[in-house]
Amino acid sequence: MSGHSKWHNIQAKKGKADAQRGKVFTKIGKEIAVAAKDGSNPDTNAKLRDVVAKAKANNMPLDTITRAIKKGAGELEGVNYEEIVYEGYGPAGVAVIVDVLTDNKNRSASNVRYIFDRNGGNLGANGCVSFMFQRKGQIIIEKKDGLDEDEVMMAALDAGAEDFNPEEEAFEITTAMEDFSVVREALETAGYEFASAELTMIPDTYTELNLEDAEKVQSLIDKLEDDDDVQDVYSNAQFPDEFEG
């Protein structure tokens, strides 16, 4: 994929994320609370362990992580969130998947539909675009002085990674969904720090965009991500190399 790699997306959002750090923590905290319903011990709850790793990669304070776990486990008063996935099409026919965690399904459905309608998209039925994506683990390691590409690649592949892609400023590691935890933990044990480590939806094919359509698609994605109930937005958009985001 040319244009916007995962690393590019991380960099493009960094300033925004720094300005909205509390919002980022709130969204991850909801993920932790949902995962902790199946057990509050990360050692025996792989899903919780992975989300906690994501929280740490985003520099989420330990006490905030602990509080979210206790809320999910029922040790502290919390909110009961429902997981919902919306699918649809954005400008230029781009496929879009929206992951939501909400305590009010009607509100979320209304908001997501409104954002699609007002930004050149169409909300579709479940399954209308998800068949175009695969659930994968994705780990991003920023290139820093002292990191040897061959060593990182061998560590990732030896741990069970499916693919290793050296970007200009980062290493992008892809795993099968069921192997994500093992690979992440092996690299973490080896001392590697992650810019990102999470399960994601990777498209089988991409829709190439011109600059005008890229602006429209990015606007749709930004507005969806700004919604408090939206956790993640995935698309098969291939942005032009010159697009700044």
C-alpha atoms as a PDB file:
ATOM      1  CA  MET A   1       0.000   0.000   0.000  1.00  0.00           C
ATOM      2  CA  SER A   2       1.449   3.319  -1.044  1.00  0.00           C
ATOM      3  CA  GLY A   3       0.359   6.591   0.480  1.00  0.00           C
ATOM      4  CA  HIS A   4      -0.838   6.347   4.052  1.00  0.00           C
ATOM      5  CA  SER A   5       0.779   3.481   5.928  1.00  0.00           C
ATOM      6  CA  LYS A   6      -0.166   2.692   9.508  1.00  0.00           C
ATOM      7  CA  TRP A   7       2.917   4.641  10.628  1.00  0.00           C
ATOM      8  CA  HIS A   8       1.859   7.638   8.553  1.00  0.00           C
ATOM      9  CA  ASN A   9      -1.555   7.514  10.227  1.00  0.00           C
ATOM     10  CA  ILE A  10       0.066   7.423  13.660  1.00  0.00           C
ATOM     11  CA  GLN A  11       2.241  10.426  12.834  1.00  0.00           C
ATOM     12  CA  ALA A  12      -0.601  12.379  11.250  1.00  0.00           C
ATOM     13  CA  LYS A  13      -2.767  11.901  14.328  1.00  0.00           C
ATOM     14  CA  LYS A  14      -0.053  12.540  16.908  1.00  0.00           C
ATOM     15  CA  GLY A  15      -0.749  16.226  17.391  1.00  0.00           C
ATOM     16  CA  LYS A  16      -4.466  15.619  17.508  1.00  0.00           C
ATOM     17  CA  ALA A  17      -4.039  12.750  19.944  1.00  0.00           C
ATOM     18  CA  ASP A  18      -1.797  14.816  22.199  1.00  0.00           C
ATOM     19  CA  ALA A  19      -4.429  17.548  22.262  1.00  0.00           C
ATOM     20  CA  GLN A  20      -7.176  15.018  23.034  1.00  0.00           C
ATOM     21  CA  ARG A  21      -5.240  12.686  25.301  1.00  0.00           C
ATOM     22  CA  GLY A  22      -8.146  12.419  27.741  1.00  0.00           C
ATOM     23  CA  LYS A  23     -10.483  11.314  24.954  1.00  0.00           C
ATOM     24  CA  VAL A  24      -8.005   8.677  23.776  1.00  0.00           C
ATOM     25  CA  PHE A  25      -7.686   7.328  27.311  1.00  0.00           C
ATOM     26  CA  THR A  26     -11.466   7.252  27.703  1.00  0.00           C
ATOM     27  CA  LYS A  27     -11.861   5.127  24.581  1.00  0.00           C
ATOM     28  CA  ILE A  28      -9.131   2.699  25.580  1.00  0.00           C
ATOM     29  CA  GLY A  29     -10.564   2.602  29.097  1.00  0.00           C
ATOM     30  CA  LYS A  30     -13.876   1.406  27.646  1.00  0.00           C
ATOM     31  CA  GLU A  31     -12.060  -1.374  25.784  1.00  0.00           C
ATOM     32  CA  ILE A  32     -10.306  -2.413  28.989  1.00  0.00           C
ATOM     33  CA  ALA A  33     -13.583  -2.453  30.943  1.00  0.00           C
ATOM     34  CA  VAL A  34     -15.256  -4.662  28.321  1.00  0.00           C
ATOM     35  CA  ALA A  35     -12.280  -7.046  28.218  1.00  0.00           C
ATOM     36  CA  ALA A  36     -12.145  -7.240  32.023  1.00  0.00           C
ATOM     37  CA  LYS A  37     -15.668  -8.684  32.143  1.00  0.00           C
ATOM     38  CA  ASP A  38     -14.073 -12.025  31.255  1.00  0.00           C
ATOM     39  CA  GLY A  39     -11.589 -11.755  34.126  1.00  0.00           C
ATOM     40  CA  SER A  40      -9.582  -9.017  35.769  1.00  0.00           C
ATOM     41  CA  ASN A  41      -6.222 -10.800  35.638  1.00  0.00           C
ATOM     42  CA  PRO A  42      -4.284 -10.048  32.424  1.00  0.00           C
ATOM     43  CA  ASP A  43      -2.196 -13.183  33.012  1.00  0.00           C
ATOM     44  CA  THR A  44      -5.241 -15.382  32.409  1.00  0.00           C
ATOM     45  CA  ASN A  45      -7.260 -13.077  30.118  1.00  0.00           C
ATOM     46  CA  ALA A  46      -5.506 -12.740  26.746  1.00  0.00           C
ATOM     47  CA  LYS A  47      -7.923 -10.106  25.422  1.00  0.00           C
ATOM     48  CA  LEU A  48      -7.375  -7.935  28.481  1.00  0.00           C
ATOM     49  CA  ARG A  49      -3.627  -8.453  28.227  1.00  0.00           C
ATOM     50  CA  ASP A  50      -3.649  -7.199  24.634  1.00  0.00           C
ATOM     51  CA  VAL A  51      -5.749  -4.130  25.421  1.00  0.00           C
ATOM     52  CA  VAL A  52      -3.522  -3.257  28.386  1.00  0.00           C
ATOM     53  CA  ALA A  53      -0.533  -3.462  26.026  1.00  0.00           C
ATOM     54  CA  LYS A  54      -2.347  -1.068  23.682  1.00  0.00           C
ATOM     55  CA  ALA A  55      -2.968   1.277  26.610  1.00  0.00           C
ATOM     56  CA  LYS A  56       0.700   1.225  27.573  1.00  0.00           C
ATOM     57  CA  ALA A  57       1.726   1.918  23.960  1.00  0.00           C
ATOM     58  CA  ASN A  58      -0.458   5.045  24.209  1.00  0.00           C
ATOM     59  CA  ASN A  59       1.225   6.064  27.492  1.00  0.00           C
ATOM     60  CA  MET A  60      -1.933   5.549  29.520  1.00  0.00           C
ATOM     61  CA  PRO A  61      -1.197   5.919  33.272  1.00  0.00           C
ATOM     62  CA  LEU A  62      -1.148   2.685  35.278  1.00  0.00           C
ATOM     63  CA  ASP A  63      -3.717   3.925  37.793  1.00  0.00           C
ATOM     64  CA  THR A  64      -6.114   4.742  34.935  1.00  0.00           C
ATOM     65  CA  ILE A  65      -5.633   1.236  33.536  1.00  0.00           C
ATOM     66  CA  THR A  66      -6.226  -0.323  36.968  1.00  0.00           C
ATOM     67  CA  ARG A  67      -9.384   1.729  37.510  1.00  0.00           C
ATOM     68  CA  ALA A  68     -10.789   0.646  34.115  1.00  0.00           C
ATOM     69  CA  ILE A  69     -10.100  -3.006  34.948  1.00  0.00           C
ATOM     70  CA  LYS A  70     -11.907  -2.685  38.285  1.00  0.00           C
ATOM     71  CA  LYS A  71     -14.904  -1.068  36.583  1.00  0.00           C
ATOM     72  CA  GLY A  72     -15.122  -3.906  34.082  1.00  0.00           C
ATOM     73  CA  ALA A  73     -14.764  -6.521  36.784  1.00  0.00           C
ATOM     74  CA  GLY A  74     -17.495  -4.906  38.877  1.00  0.00           C
ATOM     75  CA  GLU A  75     -15.190  -3.823  41.696  1.00  0.00           C
ATOM     76  CA  LEU A  76     -16.024  -0.184  40.957  1.00  0.00           C
ATOM     77  CA  GLU A  77     -19.242   1.300  39.593  1.00  0.00           C
ATOM     78  CA  GLY A  78     -19.115   1.449  35.812  1.00  0.00           C
ATOM     79  CA  VAL A  79     -21.187   1.538  32.642  1.00  0.00           C
ATOM     80  CA  ASN A  80     -22.339  -1.515  30.704  1.00  0.00           C
ATOM     81  CA  TYR A  81     -21.108  -1.091  27.124  1.00  0.00           C
ATOM     82  CA  GLU A  82     -22.406  -2.915  24.058  1.00  0.00           C
ATOM     83  CA  GLU A  83     -20.117  -3.724  21.145  1.00  0.00           C
ATOM     84  CA  ILE A  84     -21.576  -2.858  17.714  1.00  0.00           C
ATOM     85  CA  VAL A  85     -20.050  -2.852  14.239  1.00  0.00           C
ATOM     86  CA  TYR A  86     -21.378  -0.583  11.481  1.00  0.00           C
ATOM     87  CA  GLU A  87     -20.440  -0.942   7.826  1.00  0.00           C
ATOM     88  CA  GLY A  88     -20.863   1.311   4.839  1.00  0.00           C
ATOM     89  CA  TYR A  89     -19.327   3.189   1.958  1.00  0.00           C
ATOM     90  CA  GLY A  90     -17.599   6.546   1.929  1.00  0.00           C
ATOM     91  CA  PRO A  91     -16.876   8.922  -0.954  1.00  0.00           C
ATOM     92  CA  ALA A  92     -15.491   7.253  -4.106  1.00  0.00           C
ATOM     93  CA  GLY A  93     -16.902   3.921  -2.946  1.00  0.00           C
ATOM     94  CA  VAL A  94     -14.386   3.453  -0.145  1.00  0.00           C
ATOM     95  CA  ALA A  95     -15.339   0.603   2.202  1.00  0.00           C
ATOM     96  CA  VAL A  96     -15.644   1.689   5.857  1.00  0.00           C
ATOM     97  CA  ILE A  97     -16.020  -0.323   9.062  1.00  0.00           C
ATOM     98  CA  VAL A  98     -16.853   1.430  12.352  1.00  0.00           C
ATOM     99  CA  ASP A  99     -16.343  -0.273  15.724  1.00  0.00           C
ATOM    100  CA  VAL A 100     -18.530   1.155  18.492  1.00  0.00           C
ATOM    101  CA  LEU A 101     -18.745   0.682  22.259  1.00  0.00           C
ATOM    102  CA  THR A 102     -21.893   2.307  23.589  1.00  0.00           C
ATOM    103  CA  ASP A 103     -24.343   2.468  26.466  1.00  0.00           C
ATOM    104  CA  ASN A 104     -27.061   3.772  24.106  1.00  0.00           C
ATOM    105  CA  LYS A 105     -27.454   1.846  20.838  1.00  0.00           C
ATOM    106  CA  ASN A 106     -30.085   4.213  19.413  1.00  0.00           C
ATOM    107  CA  ARG A 107     -27.853   7.246  19.958  1.00  0.00           C
ATOM    108  CA  SER A 108     -24.876   5.565  18.328  1.00  0.00           C
ATOM    109  CA  ALA A 109     -26.834   4.339  15.317  1.00  0.00           C
ATOM    110  CA  SER A 110     -28.314   7.796  14.774  1.00  0.00           C
ATOM    111  CA  ASN A 111     -24.945   9.545  15.099  1.00  0.00           C
ATOM    112  CA  VAL A 112     -23.079   7.161  12.805  1.00  0.00           C
ATOM    113  CA  ARG A 113     -25.795   7.326  10.146  1.00  0.00           C
ATOM    114  CA  TYR A 114     -25.851  11.133  10.337  1.00  0.00           C
ATOM    115  CA  ILE A 115     -22.061  11.345   9.898  1.00  0.00           C
ATOM    116  CA  PHE A 116     -22.146   9.030   6.873  1.00  0.00           C
ATOM    117  CA  ASP A 117     -25.047  10.949   5.291  1.00  0.00           C
ATOM    118  CA  ARG A 118     -23.498  14.385   5.820  1.00  0.00           C
ATOM    119  CA  ASN A 119     -20.060  13.398   4.522  1.00  0.00           C
ATOM    120  CA  GLY A 120     -20.782  11.721   1.215  1.00  0.00           C
ATOM    121  CA  GLY A 121     -21.202   8.196   2.546  1.00  0.00           C
ATOM    122  CA  ASN A 122     -23.891   5.565   2.909  1.00  0.00           C
ATOM    123  CA  LEU A 123     -24.418   3.331   5.925  1.00  0.00           C
ATOM    124  CA  GLY A 124     -25.057  -0.238   4.780  1.00  0.00           C
ATOM    125  CA  ALA A 125     -26.211  -3.555   6.172  1.00  0.00           C
ATOM    126  CA  ASN A 126     -24.026  -5.800   8.321  1.00  0.00           C
ATOM    127  CA  GLY A 127     -21.639  -7.732   6.098  1.00  0.00           C
ATOM    128  CA  CYS A 128     -21.770  -5.324   3.163  1.00  0.00           C
ATOM    129  CA  VAL A 129     -18.015  -4.572   3.321  1.00  0.00           C
ATOM    130  CA  SER A 130     -16.517  -6.715   6.103  1.00  0.00           C
ATOM    131  CA  PHE A 131     -15.875  -9.564   3.642  1.00  0.00           C
ATOM    132  CA  MET A 132     -13.245  -7.284   2.060  1.00  0.00           C
ATOM    133  CA  PHE A 133     -11.171  -7.211   5.275  1.00  0.00           C
ATOM    134  CA  GLN A 134      -9.241  -9.662   7.436  1.00  0.00           C
ATOM    135  CA  ARG A 135      -8.808  -9.400  11.198  1.00  0.00           C
ATOM    136  CA  LYS A 136      -5.073  -9.249  11.858  1.00  0.00           C
ATOM    137  CA  GLY A 137      -2.629  -8.266  14.565  1.00  0.00           C
ATOM    138  CA  GLN A 138      -0.484  -5.260  13.705  1.00  0.00           C
ATOM    139  CA  ILE A 139       2.601  -4.057  15.568  1.00  0.00           C
ATOM    140  CA  ILE A 140       4.455  -0.865  14.679  1.00  0.00           C
ATOM    141  CA  ILE A 141       8.018  -0.290  15.898  1.00  0.00           C
ATOM    142  CA  GLU A 142       9.541   3.113  15.258  1.00  0.00           C
ATOM    143  CA  LYS A 143      12.967   3.044  13.642  1.00  0.00           C
ATOM    144  CA  LYS A 144      15.508   4.357  16.117  1.00  0.00           C
ATOM    145  CA  ASP A 145      19.296   4.446  16.318  1.00  0.00           C
ATOM    146  CA  GLY A 146      20.649   1.054  17.289  1.00  0.00           C
ATOM    147  CA  LEU A 147      17.730  -0.959  15.861  1.00  0.00           C
ATOM    148  CA  ASP A 148      18.955  -3.450  13.283  1.00  0.00           C
ATOM    149  CA  GLU A 149      16.348  -4.256  10.626  1.00  0.00           C
ATOM    150  CA  ASP A 150      17.463  -7.868  10.195  1.00  0.00           C
ATOM    151  CA  GLU A 151      17.382  -8.474  13.942  1.00  0.00           C
ATOM    152  CA  VAL A 152      13.881  -7.022  14.294  1.00  0.00           C
ATOM    153  CA  MET A 153      12.671  -9.016  11.289  1.00  0.00           C
ATOM    154  CA  MET A 154      14.099 -12.295  12.586  1.00  0.00           C
ATOM    155  CA  ALA A 155      12.697 -11.684  16.070  1.00  0.00           C
ATOM    156  CA  ALA A 156       9.245 -11.051  14.600  1.00  0.00           C
ATOM    157  CA  LEU A 157       9.259 -13.991  12.194  1.00  0.00           C
ATOM    158  CA  ASP A 158      10.728 -16.378  14.778  1.00  0.00           C
ATOM    159  CA  ALA A 159       7.902 -15.382  17.138  1.00  0.00           C
ATOM    160  CA  GLY A 160       5.326 -16.316  14.491  1.00  0.00           C
ATOM    161  CA  ALA A 161       4.630 -13.094  12.569  1.00  0.00           C
ATOM    162  CA  GLU A 162       3.094 -13.459   9.109  1.00  0.00           C
ATOM    163  CA  ASP A 163       4.757 -10.474   7.489  1.00  0.00           C
ATOM    164  CA  PHE A 164       7.435  -7.862   8.118  1.00  0.00           C
ATOM    165  CA  ASN A 165       7.350  -4.591   6.193  1.00  0.00           C
ATOM    166  CA  PRO A 166      10.062  -1.949   6.679  1.00  0.00           C
ATOM    167  CA  GLU A 167       8.551   1.501   6.137  1.00  0.00           C
ATOM    168  CA  GLU A 168      10.587   4.677   5.830  1.00  0.00           C
ATOM    169  CA  GLU A 169      10.365   5.482   9.540  1.00  0.00           C
ATOM    170  CA  ALA A 170       9.022   2.305  11.125  1.00  0.00           C
ATOM    171  CA  PHE A 171       8.779  -1.468  10.973  1.00  0.00           C
ATOM    172  CA  GLU A 172       5.261  -2.809  10.363  1.00  0.00           C
ATOM    173  CA  ILE A 173       4.666  -6.352  11.617  1.00  0.00           C
ATOM    174  CA  THR A 174       1.526  -8.314  10.743  1.00  0.00           C
ATOM    175  CA  THR A 175       0.293 -11.433  12.527  1.00  0.00           C
ATOM    176  CA  ALA A 176      -2.630 -13.819  12.310  1.00  0.00           C
ATOM    177  CA  MET A 177      -5.293 -12.802  14.822  1.00  0.00           C
ATOM    178  CA  GLU A 178      -4.709 -15.897  16.952  1.00  0.00           C
ATOM    179  CA  ASP A 179      -0.921 -15.341  17.012  1.00  0.00           C
ATOM    180  CA  PHE A 180      -0.982 -11.657  17.938  1.00  0.00           C
ATOM    181  CA  SER A 181      -0.564 -12.083  21.692  1.00  0.00           C
ATOM    182  CA  VAL A 182       2.340 -14.519  21.343  1.00  0.00           C
ATOM    183  CA  VAL A 183       4.218 -12.325  18.858  1.00  0.00           C
ATOM    184  CA  ARG A 184       3.581  -9.132  20.815  1.00  0.00           C
ATOM    185  CA  GLU A 185       4.732 -10.672  24.084  1.00  0.00           C
ATOM    186  CA  ALA A 186       7.861 -12.149  22.481  1.00  0.00           C
ATOM    187  CA  LEU A 187       8.878  -8.783  21.041  1.00  0.00           C
ATOM    188  CA  GLU A 188       8.034  -7.036  24.310  1.00  0.00           C
ATOM    189  CA  THR A 189      10.187  -9.527  26.227  1.00  0.00           C
ATOM    190  CA  ALA A 190      13.001  -8.904  23.741  1.00  0.00           C
ATOM    191  CA  GLY A 191      12.901  -5.238  24.742  1.00  0.00           C
ATOM    192  CA  TYR A 192      11.203  -3.671  21.733  1.00  0.00           C
ATOM    193  CA  GLU A 193       8.964  -0.645  22.293  1.00  0.00           C
ATOM    194  CA  PHE A 194       5.803  -0.250  20.234  1.00  0.00           C
ATOM    195  CA  ALA A 195       4.350   2.845  18.607  1.00  0.00           C
ATOM    196  CA  SER A 196       1.221   0.756  18.178  1.00  0.00           C
ATOM    197  CA  ALA A 197       0.179  -2.817  18.976  1.00  0.00           C
ATOM    198  CA  GLU A 198      -3.399  -3.887  18.348  1.00  0.00           C
ATOM    199  CA  LEU A 199      -5.825  -6.067  16.453  1.00  0.00           C
ATOM    200  CA  THR A 200      -7.025  -4.321  13.330  1.00  0.00           C
ATOM    201  CA  MET A 201      -8.927  -4.857  10.082  1.00  0.00           C
ATOM    202  CA  ILE A 202      -6.686  -5.045   7.018  1.00  0.00           C
ATOM    203  CA  PRO A 203      -8.324  -4.798   3.577  1.00  0.00           C
ATOM    204  CA  ASP A 204      -7.645  -7.398   0.884  1.00  0.00           C
ATOM    205  CA  THR A 205      -7.661  -4.672  -1.789  1.00  0.00           C
ATOM    206  CA  TYR A 206      -7.528  -0.892  -1.734  1.00  0.00           C
ATOM    207  CA  THR A 207      -9.488   1.877  -3.447  1.00  0.00           C
ATOM    208  CA  GLU A 208      -7.140   4.442  -5.000  1.00  0.00           C
ATOM    209  CA  LEU A 209      -8.121   8.054  -4.365  1.00  0.00           C
ATOM    210  CA  ASN A 210      -7.332  11.347  -6.035  1.00  0.00           C
ATOM    211  CA  LEU A 211      -6.610  14.360  -3.837  1.00  0.00           C
ATOM    212  CA  GLU A 212     -10.191  15.653  -3.882  1.00  0.00           C
ATOM    213  CA  ASP A 213     -11.678  12.323  -2.849  1.00  0.00           C
ATOM    214  CA  ALA A 214      -8.897  11.808  -0.302  1.00  0.00           C
ATOM    215  CA  GLU A 215      -9.955  15.018   1.457  1.00  0.00           C
ATOM    216  CA  LYS A 216     -13.589  13.859   1.548  1.00  0.00           C
ATOM    217  CA  VAL A 217     -12.741  10.386   2.842  1.00  0.00           C
ATOM    218  CA  GLN A 218     -10.418  11.761   5.520  1.00  0.00           C
ATOM    219  CA  SER A 219     -13.131  14.198   6.628  1.00  0.00           C
ATOM    220  CA  LEU A 220     -15.582  11.308   7.029  1.00  0.00           C
ATOM    221  CA  ILE A 221     -13.053   9.261   9.017  1.00  0.00           C
ATOM    222  CA  ASP A 222     -12.146  12.230  11.238  1.00  0.00           C
ATOM    223  CA  LYS A 223     -15.787  12.953  12.077  1.00  0.00           C
ATOM    224  CA  LEU A 224     -16.477   9.308  12.875  1.00  0.00           C
ATOM    225  CA  GLU A 225     -13.398   9.092  15.110  1.00  0.00           C
ATOM    226  CA  ASP A 226     -14.465  12.262  16.926  1.00  0.00           C
ATOM    227  CA  ASP A 227     -17.700  10.595  18.067  1.00  0.00           C
ATOM    228  CA  ASP A 228     -17.431   9.488  21.700  1.00  0.00           C
ATOM    229  CA  ASP A 229     -18.988   6.078  21.007  1.00  0.00           C
ATOM    230  CA  VAL A 230     -16.665   5.202  18.124  1.00  0.00           C
ATOM    231  CA  GLN A 231     -13.611   3.148  19.045  1.00  0.00           C
ATOM    232  CA  ASP A 232     -12.001   2.476  15.661  1.00  0.00           C
ATOM    233  CA  VAL A 233     -12.575   3.242  12.005  1.00  0.00           C
ATOM    234  CA  TYR A 234     -11.134   1.056   9.241  1.00  0.00           C
ATOM    235  CA  SER A 235     -11.204   1.682   5.498  1.00  0.00           C
ATOM    236  CA  ASN A 236      -9.684   0.405   2.280  1.00  0.00           C
ATOM    237  CA  ALA A 237      -8.732   3.900   1.154  1.00  0.00           C
ATOM    238  CA  GLN A 238      -5.394   4.245  -0.617  1.00  0.00           C
ATOM    239  CA  PHE A 239      -4.419   7.881  -0.225  1.00  0.00           C
ATOM    240  CA  PRO A 240      -2.165   9.641  -2.762  1.00  0.00           C
ATOM    241  CA  ASP A 241       1.472   9.982  -1.695  1.00  0.00           C
ATOM    242  CA  GLU A 242       1.164  13.768  -1.722  1.00  0.00           C
ATOM    243  CA  PHE A 243      -1.882  13.800   0.564  1.00  0.00           C
ATOM    244  CA  GLU A 244      -1.026  15.315   3.943  1.00  0.00           C
ATOM    245  CA  GLY A 245      -4.141  14.193   5.848  1.00  0.00           C
END
